Amino acid sequence: MSLEDDLYQEIILENYRSKKNRRKIEGASLHAEGANPSCGDDLELFLSIEDDVVTDASYEGVGCSICCASANLLCESLHDRSTQEAREILKQFKGMLLDDLEPDFADEISDLEAMQGVKNYPVRIKCALLPWNTLGGLLDGVQ
């Protein structure tokens, strides 16, 4: 295993263990549930939006380490971003996993690239994408 793979694994484990964004936002502007029955992942995503800017993002639920790490990374990447920026991050993340596109995330959210290794395990891609697909559904309702 390469040093880069070790680093990516550490980022995923660190985000899986993090409790910072694992909470319900009372009075959230947007809320949606997502599930992956084949793996047992089940989560709720909460967003607070003010003046078209995500001021807070969180999730609750149960899931494998890939799903929970991905959800935490998603929440971290959205803070203080416009909904349009959130859509662009979503597009890049999905392109990275589904279309083998090279991501170009801003430096402060470059940890998202740690999820790139998931594409080597096709059955786990759904786990990594569950929070992002849930976000996509939420953003579809925002103009």
Foldseek 3Di string as FASTA:
>chain_A
DDPLLVVLVVLLQVQLPDCPQADDDPPFPDKDWWADVVFGWIKMKGFHDDPQATQFIHMHTDGDSLLRSLRSLLRQLRHGHGLVVSVVVLVQLCCLQPVVDDHDDDPSSVSSCSSSVCSVPVVCSCSNCGNSVRSVVRSVPPD
